[in-house]
Amino acid sequence: MTRKSVGNSYTDERGKFAPGNPGKPKGTRHKVTRAVEDLLGSQTGALTQKAVDLALEGDTAALRLCMERIAPPRKDSPVQFDLPPMKSANDAVEASQAVLQAVSDGEITPMEGAAVMALVEQYRRTLETSELEQRIAALEEQK
C-alpha cells in the first residue's frame, strides 16, 4: 500500500514524517488560550484588581486565588541525609536501609522516603543491567 503526501503536510512521498519533524512553531498558543485572551482583551488588569479587591474584602475564594498566584504550593523540596554510595546492585540494600533509617529518625517524611526509594530502585536496575552487560561481554570474549 502506497501512501502519498497530502498537501502541506510534513511527510515524504512514502507518508513518513520528514527528518526533523518540525511540529508546532515555538511560541504557538493553544486555540482555547487565544480565544480567552481575545475575549478578555484589555480587561485583564481590571479583572486582576477586582480579584485583589475581593480578597482584601474577605472573599475567601478570591483570597485563595490570589495566594496561589503569589506563593504556589511547593510540589517538591530537596531532602538531605546520608546515603551510602551505590557502586553495584548489591549496594542497594545498604542504600534502602539508610532511607528507612532516615524516615524512622524523622530526617525525611515517608513520602520523601518513598520518592528516594524509587530513585534507589531505578539506579539499582541500571547498575544491574550494566553488570549483566559486562558479564555477557566477558563470556563472549572467552569464546
Protein backbone atom coordinates (compact mmCIF):
# COMPACT_ATOMS: atom_id res chain seq x y z
CA MET A 1 0.00 0.00 0.00
CA THR A 2 1.50 3.32 -1.06
CA ARG A 3 0.81 6.45 0.92
CA LYS A 4 1.07 9.85 -0.63
CA SER A 5 1.99 13.14 0.96
CA VAL A 6 -1.08 15.27 1.38
CA GLY A 7 -0.87 18.94 0.54
CA ASN A 8 1.03 20.91 3.14
CA SER A 9 1.94 18.00 5.43
CA TYR A 10 5.38 17.25 6.83
CA THR A 11 5.54 13.80 5.26
CA ASP A 12 7.62 12.47 2.40
CA GLU A 13 6.33 10.63 -0.66
CA ARG A 14 6.04 7.39 1.36
CA GLY A 15 3.86 9.05 4.02
CA LYS A 16 6.63 9.04 6.63
CA PHE A 17 7.40 12.13 8.63
CA ALA A 18 10.29 14.08 7.19
CA PRO A 19 13.52 14.30 9.21
CA GLY A 20 13.38 16.86 12.00
CA ASN A 21 9.58 16.72 12.27
CA PRO A 22 9.03 20.41 12.98
CA GLY A 23 5.74 20.13 14.89
CA LYS A 24 4.24 23.41 16.02
CA PRO A 25 6.40 26.52 15.80
CA LYS A 26 7.82 27.78 19.11
CA GLY A 27 5.51 30.16 20.92
CA THR A 28 2.36 28.77 19.30
CA ARG A 29 -0.52 29.13 21.72
CA HIS A 30 -3.45 26.75 22.09
CA LYS A 31 -6.63 27.89 20.34
CA VAL A 32 -8.56 27.99 23.64
CA THR A 33 -5.87 30.18 25.20
CA ARG A 34 -6.02 32.53 22.21
CA ALA A 35 -9.84 32.66 22.43
CA VAL A 36 -9.73 33.54 26.15
CA GLU A 37 -7.10 36.23 25.51
CA ASP A 38 -9.26 37.68 22.72
CA LEU A 39 -12.35 37.60 24.95
CA LEU A 40 -10.68 39.30 27.90
CA GLY A 41 -8.72 41.70 25.74
CA SER A 42 -7.56 44.71 27.69
CA GLN A 43 -9.66 43.80 30.76
CA THR A 44 -7.06 41.55 32.42
CA GLY A 45 -5.71 44.38 34.59
CA ALA A 46 -9.20 45.36 35.79
CA LEU A 47 -10.13 41.72 36.49
CA THR A 48 -6.93 41.18 38.44
CA GLN A 49 -7.59 44.31 40.50
CA LYS A 50 -11.17 43.16 41.18
CA ALA A 51 -9.88 39.78 42.44
CA VAL A 52 -7.43 41.57 44.74
CA ASP A 53 -10.15 43.92 45.99
CA LEU A 54 -12.50 41.00 46.73
CA ALA A 55 -9.69 39.16 48.53
CA LEU A 56 -9.00 42.21 50.67
CA GLU A 57 -12.71 42.44 51.50
CA GLY A 58 -12.63 38.88 52.84
CA ASP A 59 -13.81 36.80 49.89
CA THR A 60 -12.05 33.51 50.69
CA ALA A 61 -12.21 32.17 47.13
CA ALA A 62 -10.61 35.33 45.77
CA LEU A 63 -8.07 35.27 48.60
CA ARG A 64 -7.16 31.65 47.80
CA LEU A 65 -6.81 32.51 44.10
CA CYS A 66 -4.52 35.45 44.84
CA MET A 67 -2.39 33.47 47.31
CA GLU A 68 -1.99 30.58 44.85
CA ARG A 69 -0.60 33.05 42.31
CA ILE A 70 1.70 34.78 44.81
CA ALA A 71 3.04 31.65 46.52
CA PRO A 72 2.04 28.44 44.75
CA PRO A 73 2.22 25.29 46.88
CA ARG A 74 5.56 23.52 46.71
CA LYS A 75 5.41 20.30 44.79
CA ASP A 76 8.84 19.12 45.68
CA SER A 77 11.64 20.01 48.01
CA PRO A 78 15.21 18.81 48.35
CA VAL A 79 15.98 16.22 51.01
CA GLN A 80 19.33 15.79 52.67
CA PHE A 81 20.56 12.77 54.60
CA ASP A 82 23.46 10.34 54.42
CA LEU A 83 23.08 7.80 51.66
CA PRO A 84 25.89 5.32 51.04
CA PRO A 85 27.31 5.24 47.51
CA MET A 86 25.92 2.60 45.17
CA LYS A 87 28.63 1.07 43.00
CA SER A 88 26.93 -2.27 42.44
CA ALA A 89 23.37 -3.59 42.51
CA ASN A 90 24.12 -5.25 45.87
CA ASP A 91 24.75 -1.82 47.43
CA ALA A 92 21.02 -1.05 47.04
CA VAL A 93 20.37 -2.96 50.28
CA GLU A 94 22.52 -0.53 52.27
CA ALA A 95 21.01 2.47 50.47
CA SER A 96 17.48 1.22 51.20
CA GLN A 97 18.39 0.74 54.87
CA ALA A 98 19.69 4.31 55.00
CA VAL A 99 16.41 5.63 53.57
CA LEU A 100 14.34 3.63 56.06
CA GLN A 101 16.54 4.84 58.91
CA ALA A 102 16.17 8.47 57.78
CA VAL A 103 12.36 8.06 57.73
CA SER A 104 12.30 6.41 61.16
CA ASP A 105 14.58 9.13 62.60
CA GLY A 106 12.30 11.84 61.21
CA GLU A 107 15.00 13.29 58.94
CA ILE A 108 12.71 12.87 55.94
CA THR A 109 8.98 12.26 55.58
CA PRO A 110 7.59 8.89 54.46
CA MET A 111 6.60 10.47 51.12
CA GLU A 112 10.13 11.79 50.62
CA GLY A 113 11.47 8.36 51.59
CA ALA A 114 9.24 6.69 49.01
CA ALA A 115 10.50 9.07 46.32
CA VAL A 116 14.14 8.39 47.24
CA MET A 117 13.48 4.63 47.36
CA ALA A 118 12.09 4.83 43.81
CA LEU A 119 15.31 6.53 42.71
CA VAL A 120 17.41 3.92 44.50
CA GLU A 121 15.44 1.15 42.77
CA GLN A 122 15.83 2.75 39.34
CA TYR A 123 19.56 3.17 39.88
CA ARG A 124 19.84 -0.41 41.15
CA ARG A 125 18.25 -1.65 37.94
CA THR A 126 20.66 0.47 35.91
CA LEU A 127 23.62 -0.97 37.80
CA GLU A 128 22.25 -4.49 37.43
CA THR A 129 21.85 -4.04 33.67
CA SER A 130 25.38 -2.69 33.41
CA GLU A 131 26.75 -5.63 35.40
CA LEU A 132 24.90 -8.11 33.18
CA GLU A 133 26.22 -6.44 30.03
CA GLN A 134 29.77 -6.68 31.41
CA ARG A 135 29.31 -10.39 32.22
CA ILE A 136 27.93 -11.10 28.75
CA ALA A 137 30.84 -9.23 27.14
CA ALA A 138 33.32 -11.22 29.26
CA LEU A 139 31.64 -14.53 28.28
CA GLU A 140 31.71 -13.59 24.60
CA GLU A 141 35.42 -12.80 24.82
CA GLN A 142 36.07 -16.27 26.27
CA LYS A 143 34.54 -17.98 23.22
